[in-house]
């Protein structure tokens, strides 16, 4: 008999599991938190699948799948957790460093995403034809749109441990915070076309983008400065924390009501709140209180999110061709990322030279996380959805576990190599 959990029960199970696995990781394993939670969630899910195949009549996989379906990953992340995570991440982005790197951030988060989406679509089309998977060409470009933007949650979690130069940190953080907006817009438009809707022209796409992303940015800017003005008249840590919570929750609800991008609004509000409100409108005591509060919120939600990403690996428990599609997608997405950032870096080097660490850091630091998974889960049920889900999970798991887990080592190795190199 299927068990239907209340939202409170589901939250209790997830927080309990995240706490237990987080303790195990910290006590005995020592992986970065995001990597450890994702890996242990994936191992647990694979163990459930293996037990079902070893024990005839086992229903553990069905129960796990039902639990994840009840959670509705897409709705939970996109309409709840994401706004809190983006606001918490944007609070700590250095506004001055971001302004210095505004050109590469703008290029990577717009042109770079578009180029990557096209290249991934073409590469994935060749891959599914080679494997004999019946995926129509337009759906391959839908996959390109959902997987090309780097995920701000995964990127910011990785940067907490990687000691990289401030300019590169600001570039990677800024790109990830802003490029999901255009990625979601392109995904929505292509999905409409793939579902045999009316063709969408360039003017309609531009209007849609300006309303969604531009309206979200304006709403976040106004809300952030409004909160800043309110904080200047008080000095009470509890009220100021409540004000920040009201900013996120009220801002998200208002964004949905107005039909603009809640994630973009929360990024903009977080940047204003973090670089103006915290620095210029709060006492040292209130600042410390608020920063620690949002660090705790960030840690809890990140732990739950990466645990969920790992648990969703049950989608790969299918035919071998799906696993091959996932492995091939990793190669295709990585190659497209190399072109999408390599060419702009070369073209912009006369305007802004980011140094020899820029290309490998931006390539390996372009992580994918919960947002692509949420978008893939929003696709209508079909064989194509199953293929795209498997490819998405493959890329995300590789990104979080392999790229995220090795980023600190890569930066240290590259920095040491540059220090040991003889002067030119």
Protein backbone atom coordinates (compact mmCIF):
# COMPACT_ATOMS: atom_id res chain seq x y z
CA UNK A 1 0.00 0.00 0.00
CA UNK A 2 1.49 3.39 -1.01
CA UNK A 3 2.27 5.77 1.83
CA UNK A 4 1.37 9.42 1.27
CA UNK A 5 3.41 11.73 3.43
CA UNK A 6 2.40 15.17 4.59
CA UNK A 7 4.78 18.05 3.71
CA UNK A 8 5.92 18.08 7.34
CA UNK A 9 6.67 14.34 7.31
CA UNK A 10 8.61 14.65 4.06
CA UNK A 11 10.62 17.59 5.42
CA UNK A 12 11.31 15.68 8.65
CA UNK A 13 12.60 12.65 6.72
CA UNK A 14 14.82 14.77 4.47
CA UNK A 15 16.29 16.89 7.27
CA UNK A 16 16.84 13.77 9.37
CA UNK A 17 18.60 11.94 6.52
CA UNK A 18 20.65 15.02 5.64
CA UNK A 19 21.73 15.40 9.26
CA UNK A 20 22.66 11.72 9.63
CA UNK A 21 24.60 11.57 6.35
CA UNK A 22 26.20 14.95 7.02
CA UNK A 23 27.44 13.65 10.37
CA UNK A 24 28.78 10.45 8.78
CA UNK A 25 30.56 12.48 6.10
CA UNK A 26 32.08 14.93 8.58
CA UNK A 27 33.04 12.24 11.11
CA UNK A 28 34.49 9.54 8.86
CA UNK A 29 34.63 10.49 5.16
CA UNK A 30 35.59 14.17 4.93
CA UNK A 31 34.27 15.02 1.45
CA UNK A 32 33.02 18.53 0.60
CA UNK A 33 29.46 18.75 1.90
CA UNK A 34 27.75 18.98 -1.52
CA UNK A 35 29.86 16.14 -2.93
CA UNK A 36 29.37 13.95 0.13
CA UNK A 37 25.59 14.41 0.27
CA UNK A 38 25.16 13.75 -3.45
CA UNK A 39 27.45 10.71 -3.43
CA UNK A 40 25.84 9.14 -0.35
CA UNK A 41 22.34 9.82 -1.68
CA UNK A 42 23.29 8.18 -4.98
CA UNK A 43 24.90 5.18 -3.26
CA UNK A 44 21.82 4.72 -1.07
CA UNK A 45 19.52 4.85 -4.10
CA UNK A 46 21.67 2.38 -6.06
CA UNK A 47 21.71 0.08 -3.03
CA UNK A 48 17.90 0.14 -3.00
CA UNK A 49 17.80 -0.75 -6.71
CA UNK A 50 20.37 -3.54 -6.23
CA UNK A 51 18.42 -5.04 -3.30
CA UNK A 52 15.24 -5.07 -5.38
CA UNK A 53 17.00 -6.96 -8.15
CA UNK A 54 18.54 -9.46 -5.74
CA UNK A 55 15.35 -10.09 -3.78
CA UNK A 56 12.40 -11.25 -5.91
CA UNK A 57 9.26 -9.28 -5.26
CA UNK A 58 11.09 -6.35 -3.67
CA UNK A 59 9.28 -3.02 -3.79
CA UNK A 60 11.92 -0.71 -2.31
CA UNK A 61 12.58 1.01 -5.65
CA UNK A 62 8.87 1.62 -6.19
CA UNK A 63 8.55 3.08 -2.69
CA UNK A 64 11.58 5.33 -3.18
CA UNK A 65 10.25 6.46 -6.57
CA UNK A 66 6.86 7.15 -5.01
CA UNK A 67 8.46 9.16 -2.20
CA UNK A 68 10.38 11.29 -4.73
CA UNK A 69 7.25 11.73 -6.86
CA UNK A 70 5.29 12.92 -3.81
CA UNK A 71 8.02 15.47 -3.09
CA UNK A 72 7.70 16.92 -6.62
CA UNK A 73 11.35 17.96 -7.00
CA UNK A 74 10.55 20.56 -9.67
CA UNK A 75 7.95 22.36 -7.58
CA UNK A 76 9.92 22.03 -4.33
CA UNK A 77 13.06 23.56 -5.82
CA UNK A 78 11.76 26.09 -8.33
CA UNK A 79 8.87 27.41 -6.22
CA UNK A 80 10.42 27.17 -2.77
CA UNK A 81 14.03 26.35 -1.97
CA UNK A 82 15.65 28.13 -4.91
CA UNK A 83 14.75 31.68 -3.87
CA UNK A 84 16.23 31.14 -0.38
CA UNK A 85 19.39 29.55 -1.81
CA UNK A 86 19.92 32.28 -4.41
CA UNK A 87 19.36 35.08 -1.91
CA UNK A 88 21.75 33.46 0.59
CA UNK A 89 24.38 32.99 -2.12
CA UNK A 90 24.04 36.51 -3.53
CA UNK A 91 24.48 38.00 -0.04
CA UNK A 92 28.15 37.01 -0.08
CA UNK A 93 29.08 38.06 -3.63
CA UNK A 94 31.53 40.97 -3.71
CA UNK A 95 29.72 43.73 -5.62
CA UNK A 96 32.94 45.61 -6.44
CA UNK A 97 34.59 42.49 -7.91
CA UNK A 98 31.41 41.72 -9.83
CA UNK A 99 31.40 45.20 -11.38
CA UNK A 100 35.03 44.72 -12.49
CA UNK A 101 34.11 41.50 -14.27
CA UNK A 102 30.76 42.64 -15.66
CA UNK A 103 31.85 42.18 -19.31
CA UNK A 104 32.75 38.47 -19.08
CA UNK A 105 29.78 37.83 -16.79
CA UNK A 106 27.44 39.43 -19.35
CA UNK A 107 28.98 37.53 -22.27
CA UNK A 108 29.10 34.14 -20.54
CA UNK A 109 25.58 34.41 -19.13
CA UNK A 110 23.98 35.36 -22.47
CA UNK A 111 25.97 34.56 -25.61
CA UNK A 112 27.86 31.74 -23.90
CA UNK A 113 24.66 30.02 -22.80
CA UNK A 114 23.10 30.36 -26.26
CA UNK A 115 26.21 28.97 -28.01
CA UNK A 116 26.45 26.10 -25.55
CA UNK A 117 22.75 25.24 -25.98
CA UNK A 118 23.16 25.00 -29.76
CA UNK A 119 26.36 22.94 -29.55
CA UNK A 120 24.92 20.59 -26.93
CA UNK A 121 21.77 20.17 -29.03
CA UNK A 122 23.78 19.22 -32.12
CA UNK A 123 26.10 16.90 -30.20
CA UNK A 124 23.27 15.20 -28.33
CA UNK A 125 21.33 14.71 -31.57
CA UNK A 126 24.32 12.85 -33.04
CA UNK A 127 24.64 10.82 -29.82
CA UNK A 128 21.00 9.65 -29.64
CA UNK A 129 21.05 8.72 -33.33
CA UNK A 130 24.21 6.69 -32.77
CA UNK A 131 22.56 4.87 -29.84
CA UNK A 132 19.27 4.39 -31.69
CA UNK A 133 17.23 6.39 -29.20
CA UNK A 134 14.16 7.99 -30.75
CA UNK A 135 14.61 11.62 -29.73
CA UNK A 136 13.42 14.28 -32.17
CA UNK A 137 15.91 17.05 -33.08
CA UNK A 138 13.99 19.83 -31.30
CA UNK A 139 14.01 17.86 -28.04
CA UNK A 140 17.80 17.65 -28.26
CA UNK A 141 17.92 21.45 -28.26
CA UNK A 142 15.51 21.48 -25.28
CA UNK A 143 18.12 19.37 -23.50
CA UNK A 144 20.81 21.85 -24.60
CA UNK A 145 18.83 24.74 -23.11
CA UNK A 146 18.21 23.07 -19.73
CA UNK A 147 21.75 21.76 -19.23
CA UNK A 148 23.86 24.68 -20.54
CA UNK A 149 23.43 27.26 -17.74
CA UNK A 150 25.71 26.67 -14.77
CA UNK A 151 23.81 26.16 -11.53
CA UNK A 152 24.36 28.95 -8.96
CA UNK A 153 23.62 26.67 -6.01
CA UNK A 154 26.19 24.06 -7.05
CA UNK A 155 28.77 26.69 -8.04
CA UNK A 156 28.50 28.68 -4.82
CA UNK A 157 28.71 25.50 -2.75
CA UNK A 158 31.90 24.53 -4.58
CA UNK A 159 33.51 27.96 -4.19
CA UNK A 160 33.26 27.81 -0.40
CA UNK A 161 36.18 25.35 -0.45
CA UNK A 162 38.14 26.32 -3.57
CA UNK A 163 40.77 29.02 -2.95
CA UNK A 164 40.63 30.79 -6.29
CA UNK A 165 41.50 34.42 -7.18
CA UNK A 166 38.82 36.99 -6.31
CA UNK A 167 38.31 38.00 -9.96
CA UNK A 168 37.63 34.43 -11.02
CA UNK A 169 35.35 33.89 -8.02
CA UNK A 170 33.28 36.92 -8.97
CA UNK A 171 33.14 35.84 -12.64
CA UNK A 172 32.04 32.27 -11.91
CA UNK A 173 29.55 33.39 -9.24
CA UNK A 174 28.14 36.20 -11.39
CA UNK A 175 27.79 33.96 -14.44
CA UNK A 176 26.01 31.24 -12.50
CA UNK A 177 23.69 33.68 -10.72
CA UNK A 178 22.54 35.38 -13.92
CA UNK A 179 22.73 32.76 -16.67
CA UNK A 180 19.98 30.56 -15.33
CA UNK A 181 17.48 33.30 -16.24
CA UNK A 182 18.20 33.17 -19.96
CA UNK A 183 18.53 29.39 -19.81
CA UNK A 184 15.06 28.99 -18.30
CA UNK A 185 13.56 31.42 -20.84
CA UNK A 186 15.12 29.59 -23.80
CA UNK A 187 14.08 26.25 -22.31
CA UNK A 188 10.47 27.44 -21.93
CA UNK A 189 10.32 28.71 -25.51
CA UNK A 190 11.86 25.57 -27.01
CA UNK A 191 9.64 23.35 -24.89
CA UNK A 192 6.59 25.18 -26.27
CA UNK A 193 7.80 24.53 -29.80
CA UNK A 194 8.59 20.88 -29.05
CA UNK A 195 5.05 20.39 -27.72
CA UNK A 196 3.76 21.50 -31.13
CA UNK A 197 2.67 24.94 -29.99
CA UNK A 198 2.56 27.99 -32.22
CA UNK A 199 5.95 29.10 -33.59
CA UNK A 200 7.61 31.82 -31.56
CA UNK A 201 9.40 34.62 -33.40
CA UNK A 202 12.38 36.68 -32.31
CA UNK A 203 10.28 39.73 -31.21
CA UNK A 204 8.07 37.54 -29.03
CA UNK A 205 11.14 35.88 -27.52
CA UNK A 206 12.67 39.29 -26.76
CA UNK A 207 9.45 40.51 -25.11
CA UNK A 208 9.23 37.32 -23.07
CA UNK A 209 12.84 37.65 -21.92
CA UNK A 210 12.54 41.34 -21.01
CA UNK A 211 9.35 40.73 -19.06
CA UNK A 212 10.67 37.68 -17.25
CA UNK A 213 14.33 38.53 -16.56
CA UNK A 214 14.15 42.35 -16.77
CA UNK A 215 11.00 42.52 -14.65
CA UNK A 216 12.53 40.18 -12.09
CA UNK A 217 15.70 42.28 -11.87
CA UNK A 218 13.66 45.49 -11.42
CA UNK A 219 11.49 43.90 -8.73
CA UNK A 220 14.54 42.60 -6.85
CA UNK A 221 16.29 45.97 -7.09
CA UNK A 222 13.28 47.84 -5.73
CA UNK A 223 12.69 45.28 -2.97
CA UNK A 224 16.37 45.25 -1.97
CA UNK A 225 16.61 49.03 -1.70
CA UNK A 226 13.26 49.14 0.10
CA UNK A 227 14.61 46.73 2.72
CA UNK A 228 17.80 48.80 2.93
CA UNK A 229 15.77 51.93 3.66
CA UNK A 230 13.75 50.13 6.33
CA UNK A 231 16.89 48.82 8.06
CA UNK A 232 18.49 52.25 8.29
CA UNK A 233 15.81 53.34 10.75
CA UNK A 234 16.23 50.47 13.23
CA UNK A 235 18.92 48.55 15.10
CA UNK A 236 17.44 45.23 16.19
CA UNK A 237 18.93 41.93 15.00
CA UNK A 238 15.67 39.93 15.29
CA UNK A 239 13.62 42.42 13.28
CA UNK A 240 16.35 42.72 10.64
CA UNK A 241 16.46 38.94 10.18
CA UNK A 242 12.68 38.87 9.92
CA UNK A 243 12.90 41.67 7.36
CA UNK A 244 15.29 39.59 5.23
CA UNK A 245 12.92 36.60 5.44
CA UNK A 246 9.98 38.78 4.44
CA UNK A 247 12.03 40.11 1.53
CA UNK A 248 12.63 36.59 0.18
CA UNK A 249 9.20 35.11 0.82
CA UNK A 250 7.22 38.19 -0.14
CA UNK A 251 9.45 38.89 -3.13
CA UNK A 252 8.98 35.38 -4.48
CA UNK A 253 5.20 35.52 -4.09
CA UNK A 254 5.03 38.95 -5.71
CA UNK A 255 7.25 37.81 -8.60
CA UNK A 256 4.91 34.88 -9.31
CA UNK A 257 1.87 37.18 -9.12
CA UNK A 258 3.45 39.64 -11.57
CA UNK A 259 4.68 36.92 -13.94
CA UNK A 260 8.37 37.81 -13.65
CA UNK A 261 11.38 35.67 -12.72
CA UNK A 262 11.54 35.00 -8.98
CA UNK A 263 15.13 33.64 -9.16
CA UNK A 264 16.39 36.78 -10.92
CA UNK A 265 14.51 38.94 -8.41
CA UNK A 266 16.11 37.10 -5.48
CA UNK A 267 19.61 37.33 -6.95
CA UNK A 268 19.22 41.08 -7.46
CA UNK A 269 17.69 41.61 -4.02
CA UNK A 270 20.47 39.55 -2.43
CA UNK A 271 23.18 41.57 -4.17
CA UNK A 272 21.63 44.87 -3.01
CA UNK A 273 20.96 43.58 0.50
CA UNK A 274 24.44 42.11 0.86
CA UNK A 275 26.45 44.97 -0.60
CA UNK A 276 24.41 47.90 0.71
CA UNK A 277 22.17 46.75 3.55
CA UNK A 278 24.62 44.58 5.48
CA UNK A 279 27.57 46.92 4.92
CA UNK A 280 25.90 50.31 5.46
CA UNK A 281 22.65 49.86 7.41
CA UNK A 282 23.46 47.35 10.15
CA UNK A 283 25.45 47.37 13.37
CA UNK A 284 28.26 44.85 13.83
CA UNK A 285 26.11 42.73 16.15
CA UNK A 286 23.13 42.65 13.78
CA UNK A 287 25.43 41.95 10.82
CA UNK A 288 26.99 38.96 12.57
CA UNK A 289 23.56 37.67 13.60
CA UNK A 290 22.07 37.94 10.12
CA UNK A 291 25.07 36.50 8.27
CA UNK A 292 25.17 33.46 10.56
CA UNK A 293 21.41 32.97 10.20
CA UNK A 294 21.60 32.87 6.39
CA UNK A 295 24.69 30.65 6.48
CA UNK A 296 22.66 28.14 8.51
CA UNK A 297 19.69 28.36 6.12
CA UNK A 298 22.09 27.91 3.19
CA UNK A 299 23.75 24.85 4.76
CA UNK A 300 20.45 23.12 5.62
CA UNK A 301 18.84 23.68 2.23
CA UNK A 302 22.02 22.76 0.35
CA UNK A 303 22.29 19.52 2.32
CA UNK A 304 18.70 18.58 1.51
CA UNK A 305 19.02 19.61 -2.14
CA UNK A 306 22.19 17.64 -2.85
CA UNK A 307 20.79 14.64 -1.00
CA UNK A 308 17.72 14.79 -3.27
CA UNK A 309 19.93 15.04 -6.35
CA UNK A 310 21.74 11.89 -5.29
CA UNK A 311 18.50 10.03 -4.52
CA UNK A 312 17.11 10.88 -7.96
CA UNK A 313 19.79 8.60 -9.47
CA UNK A 314 17.11 5.89 -9.62
CA UNK A 315 16.28 7.43 -13.01
CA UNK A 316 19.47 5.81 -14.36
CA UNK A 317 18.28 2.34 -13.35
CA UNK A 318 17.13 1.55 -16.87
CA UNK A 319 18.38 0.04 -20.13
CA UNK A 320 22.16 0.19 -20.80
CA UNK A 321 21.55 2.60 -23.67
CA UNK A 322 20.36 5.22 -21.19
CA UNK A 323 23.57 4.88 -19.21
CA UNK A 324 25.57 5.25 -22.44
CA UNK A 325 23.48 8.33 -23.28
CA UNK A 326 24.32 9.80 -19.86
CA UNK A 327 28.05 9.14 -20.31
CA UNK A 328 28.00 10.57 -23.83
CA UNK A 329 26.10 13.64 -22.61
CA UNK A 330 28.90 14.37 -20.13
CA UNK A 331 31.40 14.51 -23.00
CA UNK A 332 29.11 16.62 -25.19
CA UNK A 333 28.30 19.15 -22.44
CA UNK A 334 31.96 19.50 -21.38
CA UNK A 335 33.10 20.05 -24.98
CA UNK A 336 30.36 22.64 -25.57
CA UNK A 337 31.34 24.45 -22.35
CA UNK A 338 34.97 24.56 -23.53
CA UNK A 339 33.97 26.28 -26.78
CA UNK A 340 31.38 28.59 -25.18
CA UNK A 341 33.90 30.04 -22.72
CA UNK A 342 37.15 29.52 -24.62
CA UNK A 343 36.23 31.59 -27.67
CA UNK A 344 34.86 34.60 -25.68
CA UNK A 345 37.92 34.54 -23.38
CA UNK A 346 40.20 34.71 -26.41
CA UNK A 347 38.15 37.51 -28.05
CA UNK A 348 37.99 39.55 -24.80
CA UNK A 349 41.64 39.22 -23.77
CA UNK A 350 42.47 42.69 -25.12
CA UNK A 351 39.75 44.22 -22.89
CA UNK A 352 40.16 42.05 -19.78
CA UNK A 353 42.93 39.50 -19.32
CA UNK A 354 41.86 37.12 -16.56
CA UNK A 355 45.13 35.18 -16.51
CA UNK A 356 46.13 31.59 -17.29
CA UNK A 357 43.87 30.13 -14.60
CA UNK A 358 40.71 31.50 -16.24
CA UNK A 359 40.01 28.85 -18.88
CA UNK A 360 40.57 25.67 -16.81
CA UNK A 361 38.81 27.20 -13.79
CA UNK A 362 35.78 28.37 -15.76
CA UNK A 363 35.62 25.08 -17.66
CA UNK A 364 35.83 22.77 -14.64
CA UNK A 365 33.96 25.16 -12.35
CA UNK A 366 30.87 25.35 -14.57
CA UNK A 367 28.83 23.01 -12.38
CA UNK A 368 25.29 21.80 -12.96
CA UNK A 369 23.03 21.03 -10.03
CA UNK A 370 19.39 21.02 -9.02
CA UNK A 371 17.97 23.45 -11.61
CA UNK A 372 18.60 21.21 -14.68
CA UNK A 373 17.13 18.26 -12.76
CA UNK A 374 14.03 20.30 -11.88
CA UNK A 375 13.59 21.43 -15.49
CA UNK A 376 14.02 17.89 -16.82
CA UNK A 377 11.45 16.60 -14.34
CA UNK A 378 8.97 19.19 -15.61
CA UNK A 379 8.90 17.55 -19.05
CA UNK A 380 5.75 15.61 -20.01
CA UNK A 381 5.91 11.84 -19.47
CA UNK A 382 7.27 10.01 -22.53
CA UNK A 383 10.21 7.90 -23.72
CA UNK A 384 11.95 11.14 -24.69
CA UNK A 385 11.58 12.46 -21.14
CA UNK A 386 13.19 9.27 -19.79
CA UNK A 387 16.18 9.72 -22.10
CA UNK A 388 16.60 13.41 -21.27
CA UNK A 389 16.27 12.69 -17.53
CA UNK A 390 18.99 10.02 -17.69
CA UNK A 391 21.31 12.38 -19.60
CA UNK A 392 20.61 15.21 -17.16
CA UNK A 393 21.26 13.09 -14.09
CA UNK A 394 24.48 11.78 -15.63
CA UNK A 395 25.81 15.28 -16.26
CA UNK A 396 24.71 16.58 -12.85
CA UNK A 397 26.20 13.68 -10.89
CA UNK A 398 29.50 13.97 -12.78
CA UNK A 399 29.45 17.73 -12.30
CA UNK A 400 28.80 17.73 -8.55
CA UNK A 401 30.84 14.68 -7.55
CA UNK A 402 33.79 14.71 -9.97
CA UNK A 403 34.14 18.39 -10.91
CA UNK A 404 33.03 19.79 -7.56
CA UNK A 405 35.08 17.24 -5.65
CA UNK A 406 38.29 17.93 -7.57
CA UNK A 407 38.02 21.71 -7.97
CA UNK A 408 40.04 22.56 -4.88
CA UNK A 409 42.80 20.16 -5.95
CA UNK A 410 42.78 21.57 -9.50
CA UNK A 411 43.16 25.18 -8.36
CA UNK A 412 46.00 24.25 -6.00
CA UNK A 413 47.75 22.24 -8.72
CA UNK A 414 47.44 24.97 -11.35
CA UNK A 415 48.57 27.69 -8.91
CA UNK A 416 51.58 25.61 -7.86
CA UNK A 417 52.47 24.98 -11.50
CA UNK A 418 52.38 28.71 -12.27
CA UNK A 419 54.49 29.50 -9.20
CA UNK A 420 57.11 26.91 -10.20
CA UNK A 421 57.25 28.02 -13.86
CA UNK A 422 60.38 29.98 -14.84
CA UNK A 423 59.79 33.68 -15.58
CA UNK A 424 59.24 34.52 -19.24
